[in-house]
């Protein structure tokens, strides 16, 4: 009987200890905020469909309505909800950034995206929140597509000399400056490239980068005059060289072809 009483007392004490060690409610402290239900509008736009009020010279302004749900499990309070919009192919520096405002878990903002008419492509939207403890939420993503499929670029003219003298051995090469003037109804920034194509099919880029002392020799950036410098040395063959020039826009449309020739003479 004494043994039974001792065992009963031991079992009771063990159960009490077990009850003291049983898990209680899960602590919500230290939990970062959570983003969900990200909505935005529009998801795409085309230059041809924009109202006149959104066209500002060579640029277009596109208002993006952003809305998202922010949940703060530990109720420490939301310090900020921020957005960033990144240009096509960019992921480091946002083209536009700002804050969403709201309460009761619903945050919203209108992001006024100002881009060049021809800056077509897919833009990335990122949203993230931080609470008053400095904890950072998950990141919400979206994409906005801007298109300007309209008319093709126009190659107005190509300026280059008709002849170039071949230097004798030991002399420095002679330089040929080639300037092609191009435009695009959807904006100059919609021109992706202007090329010189040789009869063998090789292509050389003409640039509108303003690097006067660089490889291109271009005088002024962004003026629609695409420049290339080629050199003729003593080892170049005499005779006529035929080049085709053409411009390409970001939507794949191509300009007219301008054919020019230059003769290397003694």
C-alpha atoms as a PDB file:
ATOM      1  CA  UNK A   1       0.000   0.000   0.000  1.00  0.00           C
ATOM      2  CA  UNK A   2       2.832   2.388   0.867  1.00  0.00           C
ATOM      3  CA  UNK A   3       4.464   1.517  -2.439  1.00  0.00           C
ATOM      4  CA  UNK A   4       1.224   2.299  -4.303  1.00  0.00           C
ATOM      5  CA  UNK A   5       0.830   5.634  -2.505  1.00  0.00           C
ATOM      6  CA  UNK A   6       4.422   6.565  -3.315  1.00  0.00           C
ATOM      7  CA  UNK A   7       3.970   5.637  -6.984  1.00  0.00           C
ATOM      8  CA  UNK A   8       0.720   7.640  -7.185  1.00  0.00           C
ATOM      9  CA  UNK A   9       2.379  10.706  -5.691  1.00  0.00           C
ATOM     10  CA  UNK A  10       5.294  10.385  -8.106  1.00  0.00           C
ATOM     11  CA  UNK A  11       2.968  10.029 -11.111  1.00  0.00           C
ATOM     12  CA  UNK A  12       0.951  13.085 -10.023  1.00  0.00           C
ATOM     13  CA  UNK A  13       4.116  15.183  -9.669  1.00  0.00           C
ATOM     14  CA  UNK A  14       5.318  13.989 -13.085  1.00  0.00           C
ATOM     15  CA  UNK A  15       2.048  14.974 -14.705  1.00  0.00           C
ATOM     16  CA  UNK A  16       2.179  18.407 -13.104  1.00  0.00           C
ATOM     17  CA  UNK A  17       5.715  18.911 -14.405  1.00  0.00           C
ATOM     18  CA  UNK A  18       4.636  17.750 -17.822  1.00  0.00           C
ATOM     19  CA  UNK A  19       1.782  20.223 -17.790  1.00  0.00           C
ATOM     20  CA  UNK A  20       4.175  23.048 -16.891  1.00  0.00           C
ATOM     21  CA  UNK A  21       6.357  22.180 -19.868  1.00  0.00           C
ATOM     22  CA  UNK A  22       3.513  21.886 -22.397  1.00  0.00           C
ATOM     23  CA  UNK A  23       3.689  24.431 -25.261  1.00  0.00           C
ATOM     24  CA  UNK A  24       1.570  27.553 -24.907  1.00  0.00           C
ATOM     25  CA  UNK A  25       0.321  29.996 -27.571  1.00  0.00           C
ATOM     26  CA  UNK A  26       2.850  30.681 -30.386  1.00  0.00           C
ATOM     27  CA  UNK A  27       4.507  34.083 -29.993  1.00  0.00           C
ATOM     28  CA  UNK A  28       3.917  36.450 -32.919  1.00  0.00           C
ATOM     29  CA  UNK A  29       6.652  38.871 -31.882  1.00  0.00           C
ATOM     30  CA  UNK A  30       9.507  39.297 -34.313  1.00  0.00           C
ATOM     31  CA  UNK A  31       7.377  38.394 -37.327  1.00  0.00           C
ATOM     32  CA  UNK A  32       7.964  40.513 -40.493  1.00  0.00           C
ATOM     33  CA  UNK A  33       5.013  42.026 -42.362  1.00  0.00           C
ATOM     34  CA  UNK A  34       3.509  40.038 -45.231  1.00  0.00           C
ATOM     35  CA  UNK A  35       2.444  41.404 -48.626  1.00  0.00           C
ATOM     36  CA  UNK A  36      -0.405  39.837 -50.581  1.00  0.00           C
ATOM     37  CA  UNK A  37      -3.085  40.567 -53.165  1.00  0.00           C
ATOM     38  CA  UNK A  38      -0.972  42.949 -55.274  1.00  0.00           C
ATOM     39  CA  UNK A  39      -3.099  44.633 -57.937  1.00  0.00           C
ATOM     40  CA  UNK A  40      -2.167  47.317 -60.452  1.00  0.00           C
ATOM     41  CA  UNK A  41      -3.579  48.969 -63.534  1.00  0.00           C
ATOM     42  CA  UNK A  42      -2.928  49.273 -66.413  1.00  0.00           C
ATOM     43  CA  UNK A  43      -0.783  46.238 -67.098  1.00  0.00           C
ATOM     44  CA  UNK A  44       0.027  47.376 -70.642  1.00  0.00           C
ATOM     45  CA  UNK A  45      -0.126  50.493 -72.803  1.00  0.00           C
ATOM     46  CA  UNK A  46       0.503  51.351 -76.424  1.00  0.00           C
ATOM     47  CA  UNK A  47       1.600  54.742 -77.680  1.00  0.00           C
ATOM     48  CA  UNK A  48      -1.091  54.666 -80.356  1.00  0.00           C
ATOM     49  CA  UNK A  49      -3.822  54.334 -77.719  1.00  0.00           C
ATOM     50  CA  UNK A  50      -2.675  57.025 -75.293  1.00  0.00           C
ATOM     51  CA  UNK A  51      -4.715  60.226 -74.979  1.00  0.00           C
ATOM     52  CA  UNK A  52      -3.081  63.468 -76.063  1.00  0.00           C
ATOM     53  CA  UNK A  53      -2.926  64.604 -72.420  1.00  0.00           C
ATOM     54  CA  UNK A  54      -0.407  61.842 -71.657  1.00  0.00           C
ATOM     55  CA  UNK A  55       1.999  62.797 -74.455  1.00  0.00           C
ATOM     56  CA  UNK A  56       4.574  65.397 -73.424  1.00  0.00           C
ATOM     57  CA  UNK A  57       6.860  66.199 -76.341  1.00  0.00           C
ATOM     58  CA  UNK A  58       9.135  63.211 -76.886  1.00  0.00           C
ATOM     59  CA  UNK A  59       7.887  61.592 -73.659  1.00  0.00           C
ATOM     60  CA  UNK A  60       4.741  59.871 -72.443  1.00  0.00           C
ATOM     61  CA  UNK A  61       3.319  59.909 -68.917  1.00  0.00           C
ATOM     62  CA  UNK A  62       1.553  56.754 -67.772  1.00  0.00           C
ATOM     63  CA  UNK A  63      -0.181  56.725 -64.351  1.00  0.00           C
ATOM     64  CA  UNK A  64      -0.015  53.289 -62.710  1.00  0.00           C
ATOM     65  CA  UNK A  65      -2.544  52.615 -59.922  1.00  0.00           C
ATOM     66  CA  UNK A  66      -0.961  50.319 -57.306  1.00  0.00           C
ATOM     67  CA  UNK A  67      -2.785  48.543 -54.481  1.00  0.00           C
ATOM     68  CA  UNK A  68      -1.630  45.884 -52.023  1.00  0.00           C
ATOM     69  CA  UNK A  69      -2.608  44.202 -48.740  1.00  0.00           C
ATOM     70  CA  UNK A  70      -0.106  44.410 -45.862  1.00  0.00           C
ATOM     71  CA  UNK A  71      -0.476  42.080 -42.857  1.00  0.00           C
ATOM     72  CA  UNK A  72       1.419  42.838 -39.639  1.00  0.00           C
ATOM     73  CA  UNK A  73       1.227  39.708 -37.467  1.00  0.00           C
ATOM     74  CA  UNK A  74       2.986  41.133 -34.399  1.00  0.00           C
ATOM     75  CA  UNK A  75       1.128  44.484 -34.576  1.00  0.00           C
ATOM     76  CA  UNK A  76       4.269  46.543 -34.192  1.00  0.00           C
ATOM     77  CA  UNK A  77       3.034  48.913 -36.891  1.00  0.00           C
ATOM     78  CA  UNK A  78       4.079  49.470 -40.507  1.00  0.00           C
ATOM     79  CA  UNK A  79       6.850  52.021 -40.963  1.00  0.00           C
ATOM     80  CA  UNK A  80       6.714  52.239 -44.767  1.00  0.00           C
ATOM     81  CA  UNK A  81       5.480  50.504 -47.902  1.00  0.00           C
ATOM     82  CA  UNK A  82       7.610  51.419 -50.918  1.00  0.00           C
ATOM     83  CA  UNK A  83       7.574  50.729 -54.639  1.00  0.00           C
ATOM     84  CA  UNK A  84      10.198  50.820 -57.359  1.00  0.00           C
ATOM     85  CA  UNK A  85       9.700  50.643 -61.117  1.00  0.00           C
ATOM     86  CA  UNK A  86      12.623  49.360 -63.179  1.00  0.00           C
ATOM     87  CA  UNK A  87      13.309  49.933 -66.866  1.00  0.00           C
ATOM     88  CA  UNK A  88      13.545  46.917 -69.200  1.00  0.00           C
ATOM     89  CA  UNK A  89      16.706  44.959 -68.507  1.00  0.00           C
ATOM     90  CA  UNK A  90      17.461  46.908 -65.299  1.00  0.00           C
ATOM     91  CA  UNK A  91      17.314  45.495 -61.771  1.00  0.00           C
ATOM     92  CA  UNK A  92      19.543  47.710 -59.634  1.00  0.00           C
ATOM     93  CA  UNK A  93      18.477  51.351 -59.886  1.00  0.00           C
ATOM     94  CA  UNK A  94      14.747  52.102 -60.176  1.00  0.00           C
ATOM     95  CA  UNK A  95      13.520  54.449 -62.858  1.00  0.00           C
ATOM     96  CA  UNK A  96      10.866  55.661 -60.415  1.00  0.00           C
ATOM     97  CA  UNK A  97      10.352  55.059 -56.712  1.00  0.00           C
ATOM     98  CA  UNK A  98       7.842  56.177 -54.102  1.00  0.00           C
ATOM     99  CA  UNK A  99       5.621  55.207 -51.171  1.00  0.00           C
ATOM    100  CA  UNK A 100       2.178  53.687 -50.802  1.00  0.00           C
ATOM    101  CA  UNK A 101      -0.122  55.090 -48.112  1.00  0.00           C
ATOM    102  CA  UNK A 102      -3.062  53.558 -46.299  1.00  0.00           C
ATOM    103  CA  UNK A 103      -4.357  51.898 -43.165  1.00  0.00           C
ATOM    104  CA  UNK A 104      -6.262  48.809 -42.009  1.00  0.00           C
ATOM    105  CA  UNK A 105      -3.894  46.737 -44.124  1.00  0.00           C
ATOM    106  CA  UNK A 106      -4.769  48.338 -47.484  1.00  0.00           C
ATOM    107  CA  UNK A 107      -2.131  50.502 -49.148  1.00  0.00           C
ATOM    108  CA  UNK A 108      -2.276  52.342 -52.477  1.00  0.00           C
ATOM    109  CA  UNK A 109      -0.406  54.813 -54.671  1.00  0.00           C
ATOM    110  CA  UNK A 110      -0.443  56.258 -58.179  1.00  0.00           C
ATOM    111  CA  UNK A 111       2.975  56.055 -59.827  1.00  0.00           C
ATOM    112  CA  UNK A 112       3.353  58.577 -62.657  1.00  0.00           C
ATOM    113  CA  UNK A 113       5.786  56.866 -64.991  1.00  0.00           C
ATOM    114  CA  UNK A 114       7.452  59.299 -67.421  1.00  0.00           C
ATOM    115  CA  UNK A 115       9.340  57.582 -70.239  1.00  0.00           C
ATOM    116  CA  UNK A 116      10.491  58.364 -73.764  1.00  0.00           C
ATOM    117  CA  UNK A 117       8.006  57.612 -76.526  1.00  0.00           C
ATOM    118  CA  UNK A 118      10.229  54.934 -77.947  1.00  0.00           C
ATOM    119  CA  UNK A 119      11.290  53.308 -74.655  1.00  0.00           C
ATOM    120  CA  UNK A 120       9.316  50.152 -75.327  1.00  0.00           C
ATOM    121  CA  UNK A 121       9.599  46.959 -73.308  1.00  0.00           C
ATOM    122  CA  UNK A 122       8.607  45.271 -70.062  1.00  0.00           C
ATOM    123  CA  UNK A 123       8.970  47.334 -66.888  1.00  0.00           C
ATOM    124  CA  UNK A 124       9.248  45.592 -63.514  1.00  0.00           C
ATOM    125  CA  UNK A 125       7.311  46.773 -60.447  1.00  0.00           C
ATOM    126  CA  UNK A 126       8.551  45.840 -56.960  1.00  0.00           C
ATOM    127  CA  UNK A 127       6.851  46.533 -53.640  1.00  0.00           C
ATOM    128  CA  UNK A 128       8.201  45.917 -50.142  1.00  0.00           C
ATOM    129  CA  UNK A 129       7.187  46.890 -46.593  1.00  0.00           C
ATOM    130  CA  UNK A 130       9.129  47.451 -43.375  1.00  0.00           C
ATOM    131  CA  UNK A 131       7.693  47.526 -39.846  1.00  0.00           C
ATOM    132  CA  UNK A 132       8.686  49.686 -36.896  1.00  0.00           C
ATOM    133  CA  UNK A 133      11.032  46.981 -35.619  1.00  0.00           C
ATOM    134  CA  UNK A 134      12.949  47.174 -38.893  1.00  0.00           C
ATOM    135  CA  UNK A 135      11.709  43.819 -40.162  1.00  0.00           C
ATOM    136  CA  UNK A 136      11.338  43.628 -43.938  1.00  0.00           C
ATOM    137  CA  UNK A 137       8.475  41.900 -45.732  1.00  0.00           C
ATOM    138  CA  UNK A 138       8.479  39.606 -48.707  1.00  0.00           C
ATOM    139  CA  UNK A 139       8.663  41.357 -52.084  1.00  0.00           C
ATOM    140  CA  UNK A 140       5.701  41.631 -54.451  1.00  0.00           C
ATOM    141  CA  UNK A 141       6.381  41.751 -58.192  1.00  0.00           C
ATOM    142  CA  UNK A 142       4.466  42.920 -61.226  1.00  0.00           C
ATOM    143  CA  UNK A 143       5.271  43.825 -64.824  1.00  0.00           C
ATOM    144  CA  UNK A 144       4.019  46.570 -67.104  1.00  0.00           C
ATOM    145  CA  UNK A 145       4.479  46.386 -70.877  1.00  0.00           C
ATOM    146  CA  UNK A 146       4.801  49.513 -72.976  1.00  0.00           C
ATOM    147  CA  UNK A 147       4.625  49.226 -76.768  1.00  0.00           C
ATOM    148  CA  UNK A 148       4.881  51.712 -79.613  1.00  0.00           C
ATOM    149  CA  UNK A 149       4.192  49.583 -82.651  1.00  0.00           C
ATOM    150  CA  UNK A 150       3.510  52.245 -85.208  1.00  0.00           C
ATOM    151  CA  UNK A 151       5.494  53.364 -88.208  1.00  0.00           C
ATOM    152  CA  UNK A 152       9.036  52.216 -88.996  1.00  0.00           C
ATOM    153  CA  UNK A 153      12.092  54.440 -88.623  1.00  0.00           C
ATOM    154  CA  UNK A 154      13.226  56.606 -91.520  1.00  0.00           C
ATOM    155  CA  UNK A 155      16.801  56.861 -92.750  1.00  0.00           C
ATOM    156  CA  UNK A 156      16.810  60.330 -94.292  1.00  0.00           C
ATOM    157  CA  UNK A 157      20.379  60.568 -95.539  1.00  0.00           C
ATOM    158  CA  UNK A 158      23.929  59.263 -95.325  1.00  0.00           C
ATOM    159  CA  UNK A 159      26.899  61.599 -95.657  1.00  0.00           C
ATOM    160  CA  UNK A 160      30.310  60.225 -96.602  1.00  0.00           C
ATOM    161  CA  UNK A 161      33.003  61.096 -99.145  1.00  0.00           C
ATOM    162  CA  UNK A 162      32.859  59.515-102.588  1.00  0.00           C
ATOM    163  CA  UNK A 163      36.607  58.839-102.585  1.00  0.00           C
ATOM    164  CA  UNK A 164      39.369  58.345-100.038  1.00  0.00           C
ATOM    165  CA  UNK A 165      43.101  58.282-100.695  1.00  0.00           C
ATOM    166  CA  UNK A 166      45.079  55.241 -99.652  1.00  0.00           C
ATOM    167  CA  UNK A 167      48.208  56.273 -97.739  1.00  0.00           C
ATOM    168  CA  UNK A 168      51.576  54.904 -98.705  1.00  0.00           C
ATOM    169  CA  UNK A 169      53.309  52.402 -96.471  1.00  0.00           C
ATOM    170  CA  UNK A 170      54.566  54.024 -93.286  1.00  0.00           C
ATOM    171  CA  UNK A 171      51.971  56.805 -93.313  1.00  0.00           C
ATOM    172  CA  UNK A 172      49.099  57.035 -90.852  1.00  0.00           C
ATOM    173  CA  UNK A 173      45.702  55.708 -91.926  1.00  0.00           C
ATOM    174  CA  UNK A 174      43.192  58.153 -93.390  1.00  0.00           C
ATOM    175  CA  UNK A 175      39.890  58.520 -91.584  1.00  0.00           C
ATOM    176  CA  UNK A 176      36.460  58.401 -93.204  1.00  0.00           C
ATOM    177  CA  UNK A 177      33.623  60.017 -91.226  1.00  0.00           C
ATOM    178  CA  UNK A 178      30.180  58.607 -92.008  1.00  0.00           C
ATOM    179  CA  UNK A 179      27.023  60.293 -90.689  1.00  0.00           C
ATOM    180  CA  UNK A 180      23.539  58.791 -91.120  1.00  0.00           C
ATOM    181  CA  UNK A 181      20.505  60.899 -90.190  1.00  0.00           C
ATOM    182  CA  UNK A 182      17.598  58.834 -88.826  1.00  0.00           C
ATOM    183  CA  UNK A 183      14.229  59.509 -87.193  1.00  0.00           C
ATOM    184  CA  UNK A 184      11.281  57.514 -85.881  1.00  0.00           C
ATOM    185  CA  UNK A 185       7.597  58.537 -85.705  1.00  0.00           C
ATOM    186  CA  UNK A 186       7.431  56.839 -82.293  1.00  0.00           C
ATOM    187  CA  UNK A 187      10.340  58.896 -80.964  1.00  0.00           C
ATOM    188  CA  UNK A 188      14.076  58.904 -81.527  1.00  0.00           C
ATOM    189  CA  UNK A 189      14.617  56.684 -78.470  1.00  0.00           C
ATOM    190  CA  UNK A 190      12.694  53.941 -80.275  1.00  0.00           C
ATOM    191  CA  UNK A 191      15.613  53.500 -82.680  1.00  0.00           C
ATOM    192  CA  UNK A 192      17.542  50.490 -81.456  1.00  0.00           C
ATOM    193  CA  UNK A 193      20.426  50.663 -83.901  1.00  0.00           C
ATOM    194  CA  UNK A 194      21.682  52.037 -87.211  1.00  0.00           C
ATOM    195  CA  UNK A 195      24.049  49.811 -89.144  1.00  0.00           C
ATOM    196  CA  UNK A 196      26.452  49.842 -92.067  1.00  0.00           C
ATOM    197  CA  UNK A 197      26.355  46.519 -93.930  1.00  0.00           C
ATOM    198  CA  UNK A 198      29.155  45.489 -96.247  1.00  0.00           C
ATOM    199  CA  UNK A 199      28.650  43.406 -99.386  1.00  0.00           C
ATOM    200  CA  UNK A 200      30.036  40.401 -97.498  1.00  0.00           C
ATOM    201  CA  UNK A 201      27.287  40.755 -94.861  1.00  0.00           C
ATOM    202  CA  UNK A 202      29.369  42.176 -92.018  1.00  0.00           C
ATOM    203  CA  UNK A 203      27.688  44.908 -89.953  1.00  0.00           C
ATOM    204  CA  UNK A 204      29.149  47.947 -88.194  1.00  0.00           C
ATOM    205  CA  UNK A 205      27.205  50.119 -85.749  1.00  0.00           C
ATOM    206  CA  UNK A 206      26.806  53.855 -86.168  1.00  0.00           C
ATOM    207  CA  UNK A 207      26.326  55.640 -82.844  1.00  0.00           C
ATOM    208  CA  UNK A 208      24.531  58.740 -81.621  1.00  0.00           C
ATOM    209  CA  UNK A 209      26.422  58.866 -78.323  1.00  0.00           C
ATOM    210  CA  UNK A 210      28.173  62.249 -78.397  1.00  0.00           C
ATOM    211  CA  UNK A 211      31.597  60.627 -78.021  1.00  0.00           C
ATOM    212  CA  UNK A 212      33.427  63.020 -80.328  1.00  0.00           C
ATOM    213  CA  UNK A 213      36.851  61.843 -79.249  1.00  0.00           C
ATOM    214  CA  UNK A 214      35.790  58.207 -78.937  1.00  0.00           C
ATOM    215  CA  UNK A 215      35.383  55.417 -81.461  1.00  0.00           C
ATOM    216  CA  UNK A 216      32.227  56.840 -83.004  1.00  0.00           C
ATOM    217  CA  UNK A 217      33.366  60.448 -83.404  1.00  0.00           C
ATOM    218  CA  UNK A 218      29.740  61.552 -82.903  1.00  0.00           C
ATOM    219  CA  UNK A 219      29.322  65.288 -82.328  1.00  0.00           C
ATOM    220  CA  UNK A 220      26.110  65.491 -80.284  1.00  0.00           C
ATOM    221  CA  UNK A 221      24.224  62.750 -78.441  1.00  0.00           C
ATOM    222  CA  UNK A 222      20.545  62.281 -79.156  1.00  0.00           C
ATOM    223  CA  UNK A 223      20.316  64.484 -82.265  1.00  0.00           C
ATOM    224  CA  UNK A 224      19.475  61.683 -84.679  1.00  0.00           C
ATOM    225  CA  UNK A 225      22.830  61.819 -86.435  1.00  0.00           C
ATOM    226  CA  UNK A 226      24.491  58.407 -86.120  1.00  0.00           C
ATOM    227  CA  UNK A 227      28.222  58.454 -86.752  1.00  0.00           C
ATOM    228  CA  UNK A 228      30.986  56.004 -87.551  1.00  0.00           C
ATOM    229  CA  UNK A 229      34.680  56.517 -88.323  1.00  0.00           C
ATOM    230  CA  UNK A 230      36.461  53.960 -90.469  1.00  0.00           C
ATOM    231  CA  UNK A 231      40.123  53.970 -91.330  1.00  0.00           C
ATOM    232  CA  UNK A 232      41.796  53.307 -94.648  1.00  0.00           C
ATOM    233  CA  UNK A 233      45.373  52.124 -94.376  1.00  0.00           C
ATOM    234  CA  UNK A 234      48.125  51.324 -96.837  1.00  0.00           C
ATOM    235  CA  UNK A 235      47.058  47.671 -96.907  1.00  0.00           C
ATOM    236  CA  UNK A 236      43.490  48.416 -98.060  1.00  0.00           C
ATOM    237  CA  UNK A 237      42.694  47.354-101.623  1.00  0.00           C
ATOM    238  CA  UNK A 238      42.074  49.962-104.279  1.00  0.00           C
ATOM    239  CA  UNK A 239      38.617  50.111-105.804  1.00  0.00           C
ATOM    240  CA  UNK A 240      34.967  50.751-105.019  1.00  0.00           C
ATOM    241  CA  UNK A 241      33.360  49.633-101.756  1.00  0.00           C
ATOM    242  CA  UNK A 242      29.550  49.485-101.537  1.00  0.00           C
ATOM    243  CA  UNK A 243      27.765  49.883 -98.205  1.00  0.00           C
ATOM    244  CA  UNK A 244      24.069  49.529 -97.269  1.00  0.00           C
ATOM    245  CA  UNK A 245      22.726  51.552 -94.347  1.00  0.00           C
ATOM    246  CA  UNK A 246      19.573  50.728 -92.370  1.00  0.00           C
ATOM    247  CA  UNK A 247      17.887  51.618 -89.067  1.00  0.00           C
ATOM    248  CA  UNK A 248      16.001  49.227 -86.764  1.00  0.00           C
ATOM    249  CA  UNK A 249      13.526  50.166 -84.024  1.00  0.00           C
ATOM    250  CA  UNK A 250      12.836  48.396 -80.739  1.00  0.00           C
ATOM    251  CA  UNK A 251       9.717  46.704 -82.069  1.00  0.00           C
ATOM    252  CA  UNK A 252      11.570  45.095 -84.975  1.00  0.00           C
ATOM    253  CA  UNK A 253      10.471  47.501 -87.691  1.00  0.00           C
ATOM    254  CA  UNK A 254      13.130  48.463 -90.248  1.00  0.00           C
ATOM    255  CA  UNK A 255      13.798  51.605 -92.217  1.00  0.00           C
ATOM    256  CA  UNK A 256      14.457  52.085 -95.888  1.00  0.00           C
ATOM    257  CA  UNK A 257      17.909  51.060 -97.103  1.00  0.00           C
ATOM    258  CA  UNK A 258      20.337  53.727 -98.281  1.00  0.00           C
ATOM    259  CA  UNK A 259      23.175  52.480-100.498  1.00  0.00           C
ATOM    260  CA  UNK A 260      26.408  54.456-100.727  1.00  0.00           C
ATOM    261  CA  UNK A 261      29.808  53.756-102.242  1.00  0.00           C
ATOM    262  CA  UNK A 262      33.315  54.957-101.613  1.00  0.00           C
ATOM    263  CA  UNK A 263      36.323  54.450-103.855  1.00  0.00           C
ATOM    264  CA  UNK A 264      39.797  53.909-102.437  1.00  0.00           C
ATOM    265  CA  UNK A 265      42.312  55.602-104.743  1.00  0.00           C
ATOM    266  CA  UNK A 266      46.051  56.234-104.827  1.00  0.00           C
END
